[in-house]
Protein backbone atom coordinates (compact mmCIF):
# COMPACT_ATOMS: atom_id res chain seq x y z
CA UNK A 1 3.77 26.96 31.85
CA UNK A 2 0.41 27.45 33.44
CA UNK A 3 -1.13 24.22 34.58
CA UNK A 4 -4.68 23.48 33.49
CA UNK A 5 -6.74 22.88 36.62
CA UNK A 6 -10.10 22.13 34.95
CA UNK A 7 -11.11 18.89 33.29
CA UNK A 8 -12.25 19.33 29.69
CA UNK A 9 -16.01 19.76 29.41
CA UNK A 10 -16.02 17.69 26.21
CA UNK A 11 -13.67 14.79 25.59
CA UNK A 12 -11.69 15.37 22.38
CA UNK A 13 -11.69 12.70 19.69
CA UNK A 14 -8.53 10.62 19.24
CA UNK A 15 -8.05 12.03 15.72
CA UNK A 16 -7.97 15.55 17.20
CA UNK A 17 -5.30 14.52 19.71
CA UNK A 18 -3.22 12.73 17.06
CA UNK A 19 -3.29 15.90 14.91
CA UNK A 20 -2.04 18.25 17.66
CA UNK A 21 1.21 20.04 16.88
CA UNK A 22 3.89 20.73 19.46
CA UNK A 23 4.18 19.37 22.97
CA UNK A 24 1.10 18.19 24.83
CA UNK A 25 0.50 16.51 28.17
CA UNK A 26 -2.75 14.55 28.47
CA UNK A 27 -3.82 13.95 32.05
CA UNK A 28 -6.44 11.22 32.45
CA UNK A 29 -8.20 11.14 35.80
CA UNK A 30 -11.21 12.22 37.78
CA UNK A 31 -11.89 15.19 40.05
CA UNK A 32 -13.01 12.71 42.75
CA UNK A 33 -9.84 10.55 42.56
CA UNK A 34 -7.56 10.91 45.58
CA UNK A 35 -4.47 9.92 43.58
CA UNK A 36 -5.34 12.59 40.99
CA UNK A 37 -5.77 15.29 43.62
CA UNK A 38 -2.47 14.30 45.26
CA UNK A 39 -0.65 14.56 41.91
CA UNK A 40 -1.71 18.17 41.31
CA UNK A 41 1.03 19.67 43.49
CA UNK A 42 3.63 17.50 41.71
CA UNK A 43 2.35 18.64 38.32
CA UNK A 44 2.31 22.30 39.36
CA UNK A 45 5.92 22.05 40.58
CA UNK A 46 7.19 20.32 37.43
CA UNK A 47 5.21 22.49 35.00
CA UNK A 48 6.32 25.77 36.65
CA UNK A 49 9.84 25.26 35.31
CA UNK A 50 8.86 24.39 31.72
CA UNK A 51 8.40 26.40 28.55
CA UNK A 52 4.78 26.68 27.46
CA UNK A 53 3.05 23.50 26.35
CA UNK A 54 -0.53 22.32 26.16
CA UNK A 55 -1.94 20.49 29.21
CA UNK A 56 -5.29 18.78 28.64
CA UNK A 57 -7.12 17.22 31.58
CA UNK A 58 -9.51 14.45 30.56
CA UNK A 59 -12.20 13.20 32.95
CA UNK A 60 -11.88 9.50 32.32
CA UNK A 61 -14.19 6.64 33.19
CA UNK A 62 -15.89 3.51 32.00
CA UNK A 63 -16.94 3.76 28.38
CA UNK A 64 -14.88 6.89 27.66
CA UNK A 65 -13.33 6.25 24.23
CA UNK A 66 -10.26 8.49 24.48
CA UNK A 67 -8.97 6.85 27.65
CA UNK A 68 -9.59 3.40 26.19
CA UNK A 69 -7.72 4.33 23.00
CA UNK A 70 -4.69 5.17 25.20
CA UNK A 71 -5.19 1.99 27.29
CA UNK A 72 -5.64 3.96 30.53
CA UNK A 73 -6.24 1.66 33.49
CA UNK A 74 -5.23 3.72 36.56
CA UNK A 75 -5.56 7.40 37.43
CA UNK A 76 -3.87 9.67 37.02
CA UNK A 77 -2.21 8.61 33.79
CA UNK A 78 -0.08 11.26 32.10
CA UNK A 79 0.59 10.81 28.38
CA UNK A 80 3.35 13.04 26.96
CA UNK A 81 2.96 13.77 23.24
CA UNK A 82 5.16 15.40 20.65
CA UNK A 83 3.27 16.30 17.47
CA UNK A 84 0.54 13.78 18.28
CA UNK A 85 2.96 10.92 18.99
CA UNK A 86 3.33 9.40 22.47
CA UNK A 87 6.85 9.95 23.79
CA UNK A 88 6.44 9.07 27.47
CA UNK A 89 3.82 7.94 29.97
CA UNK A 90 3.53 8.10 33.75
CA UNK A 91 0.95 6.30 35.84
CA UNK A 92 0.42 7.67 39.35
CA UNK A 93 3.63 9.72 39.48
CA UNK A 94 5.27 9.68 42.89
CA UNK A 95 7.34 12.84 42.67
CA UNK A 96 7.85 15.91 40.53
CA UNK A 97 11.20 14.62 39.23
CA UNK A 98 9.45 11.78 37.39
CA UNK A 99 7.32 14.39 35.64
CA UNK A 100 10.35 16.57 34.87
CA UNK A 101 12.13 13.57 33.31
CA UNK A 102 9.12 12.83 31.09
CA UNK A 103 8.89 16.50 30.12
CA UNK A 104 12.56 16.41 29.09
CA UNK A 105 11.74 13.47 26.81
CA UNK A 106 8.83 15.32 25.23
CA UNK A 107 11.02 18.34 24.54
CA UNK A 108 13.61 16.20 22.78
CA UNK A 109 10.90 14.34 20.83
CA UNK A 110 11.90 10.90 22.16
């Protein structure tokens, strides 16, 4: 799959996310976050081996409703969804294998 490298210009509403069909990875973070920048190579490595799925980067911050609805506290937080339902979550992944494991869960739907 091709990794999305650009944060969404407009934050989607939670209802839009909940209604998404198929597999989706939400990435909450900030373009100025060092942990987020460090995770990009891990994401690129893990995503390169996967079938196509939707990757949505959300610029998170104080007062951002989508991140609060997912209880995001640290960046990056990756939320793995299957048909709008959270299947797995990673906070500050340390290696690409963690991401691959979560992707395997999303593909199986649990």
